[in-house]
C-alpha atoms as a PDB file:
ATOM      1  CA  UNK A   1      22.066 -24.250 -15.518  1.00  0.00           C
ATOM      2  CA  UNK A   2      18.412 -24.530 -14.538  1.00  0.00           C
ATOM      3  CA  UNK A   3      19.411 -25.542 -11.005  1.00  0.00           C
ATOM      4  CA  UNK A   4      21.640 -22.485 -10.724  1.00  0.00           C
ATOM      5  CA  UNK A   5      18.788 -20.208 -11.801  1.00  0.00           C
ATOM      6  CA  UNK A   6      16.393 -21.847  -9.317  1.00  0.00           C
ATOM      7  CA  UNK A   7      18.922 -21.519  -6.507  1.00  0.00           C
ATOM      8  CA  UNK A   8      19.604 -17.862  -7.339  1.00  0.00           C
ATOM      9  CA  UNK A   9      15.915 -17.002  -7.469  1.00  0.00           C
ATOM     10  CA  UNK A  10      15.348 -18.826  -4.177  1.00  0.00           C
ATOM     11  CA  UNK A  11      18.112 -16.861  -2.479  1.00  0.00           C
ATOM     12  CA  UNK A  12      16.777 -13.638  -3.980  1.00  0.00           C
ATOM     13  CA  UNK A  13      13.299 -14.401  -2.644  1.00  0.00           C
ATOM     14  CA  UNK A  14      14.683 -15.004   0.862  1.00  0.00           C
ATOM     15  CA  UNK A  15      16.628 -11.737   0.649  1.00  0.00           C
ATOM     16  CA  UNK A  16      13.531  -9.788  -0.367  1.00  0.00           C
ATOM     17  CA  UNK A  17      11.549 -11.426   2.448  1.00  0.00           C
ATOM     18  CA  UNK A  18      14.279 -10.521   4.942  1.00  0.00           C
ATOM     19  CA  UNK A  19      14.200  -6.885   3.812  1.00  0.00           C
ATOM     20  CA  UNK A  20      10.399  -6.749   4.093  1.00  0.00           C
ATOM     21  CA  UNK A  21      10.486  -8.249   7.595  1.00  0.00           C
ATOM     22  CA  UNK A  22      13.234  -5.849   8.667  1.00  0.00           C
ATOM     23  CA  UNK A  23      11.247  -2.879   7.392  1.00  0.00           C
ATOM     24  CA  UNK A  24       8.134  -4.212   9.139  1.00  0.00           C
ATOM     25  CA  UNK A  25       9.860  -4.580  12.520  1.00  0.00           C
ATOM     26  CA  UNK A  26      11.580  -1.197  12.316  1.00  0.00           C
ATOM     27  CA  UNK A  27       8.789   0.614  10.482  1.00  0.00           C
ATOM     28  CA  UNK A  28       5.964   0.016  12.963  1.00  0.00           C
ATOM     29  CA  UNK A  29       7.609   1.660  15.974  1.00  0.00           C
ATOM     30  CA  UNK A  30       9.334   4.170  13.696  1.00  0.00           C
ATOM     31  CA  UNK A  31       6.086   5.430  12.186  1.00  0.00           C
ATOM     32  CA  UNK A  32       4.577   5.506  15.674  1.00  0.00           C
ATOM     33  CA  UNK A  33       7.418   7.736  16.849  1.00  0.00           C
ATOM     34  CA  UNK A  34       6.939  10.078  13.892  1.00  0.00           C
ATOM     35  CA  UNK A  35       3.193  10.359  14.514  1.00  0.00           C
ATOM     36  CA  UNK A  36       3.791  10.834  18.255  1.00  0.00           C
ATOM     37  CA  UNK A  37       6.314  13.621  17.616  1.00  0.00           C
ATOM     38  CA  UNK A  38       3.758  15.439  15.458  1.00  0.00           C
ATOM     39  CA  UNK A  39       1.532  15.627  18.534  1.00  0.00           C
ATOM     40  CA  UNK A  40      -1.221  13.168  17.626  1.00  0.00           C
ATOM     41  CA  UNK A  41      -0.726  10.738  20.486  1.00  0.00           C
ATOM     42  CA  UNK A  42      -4.068   8.947  20.111  1.00  0.00           C
ATOM     43  CA  UNK A  43      -3.352   8.122  16.455  1.00  0.00           C
ATOM     44  CA  UNK A  44       0.166   6.983  17.396  1.00  0.00           C
ATOM     45  CA  UNK A  45      -1.155   4.573  20.027  1.00  0.00           C
ATOM     46  CA  UNK A  46      -3.839   3.296  17.651  1.00  0.00           C
ATOM     47  CA  UNK A  47      -1.259   2.687  14.923  1.00  0.00           C
ATOM     48  CA  UNK A  48       1.061   0.874  17.325  1.00  0.00           C
ATOM     49  CA  UNK A  49      -1.840  -1.307  18.521  1.00  0.00           C
ATOM     50  CA  UNK A  50      -2.745  -2.144  14.913  1.00  0.00           C
ATOM     51  CA  UNK A  51       0.891  -2.969  14.121  1.00  0.00           C
ATOM     52  CA  UNK A  52       1.150  -5.205  17.201  1.00  0.00           C
ATOM     53  CA  UNK A  53      -2.140  -6.934  16.346  1.00  0.00           C
ATOM     54  CA  UNK A  54      -1.108  -7.692  12.770  1.00  0.00           C
ATOM     55  CA  UNK A  55       2.295  -8.912  13.963  1.00  0.00           C
ATOM     56  CA  UNK A  56       0.656 -11.205  16.524  1.00  0.00           C
ATOM     57  CA  UNK A  57      -1.754 -12.597  13.948  1.00  0.00           C
ATOM     58  CA  UNK A  58       1.104 -13.238  11.516  1.00  0.00           C
ATOM     59  CA  UNK A  59       3.239 -15.012  14.109  1.00  0.00           C
ATOM     60  CA  UNK A  60       0.298 -17.123  15.286  1.00  0.00           C
ATOM     61  CA  UNK A  61      -0.682 -18.086  11.737  1.00  0.00           C
ATOM     62  CA  UNK A  62       2.886 -18.990  10.785  1.00  0.00           C
ATOM     63  CA  UNK A  63       3.223 -21.119  13.934  1.00  0.00           C
ATOM     64  CA  UNK A  64      -0.037 -22.941  13.184  1.00  0.00           C
ATOM     65  CA  UNK A  65       0.968 -23.545   9.556  1.00  0.00           C
ATOM     66  CA  UNK A  66       4.373 -24.851  10.603  1.00  0.00           C
ATOM     67  CA  UNK A  67       2.745 -27.149  13.164  1.00  0.00           C
ATOM     68  CA  UNK A  68       0.207 -28.434  10.631  1.00  0.00           C
ATOM     69  CA  UNK A  69       2.986 -29.244   8.148  1.00  0.00           C
ATOM     70  CA  UNK A  70       4.859 -31.302  10.728  1.00  0.00           C
ATOM     71  CA  UNK A  71       1.904 -33.514  11.562  1.00  0.00           C
END
């Protein structure tokens, strides 16, 4: 029974993570488009640059962590 609960919670955690990542990938450009359509193009470009920077830092950190675990 305990194994079933652990497995269910693990799958739930992966599902929540997948939803967060999906919202992150869609949300960044989506919010940029909304800001751009309101006419504030400088803020839209700044937001998109911030989103891209955070995404790059996340991908780099996850790659480094994965590489460190393997060695």
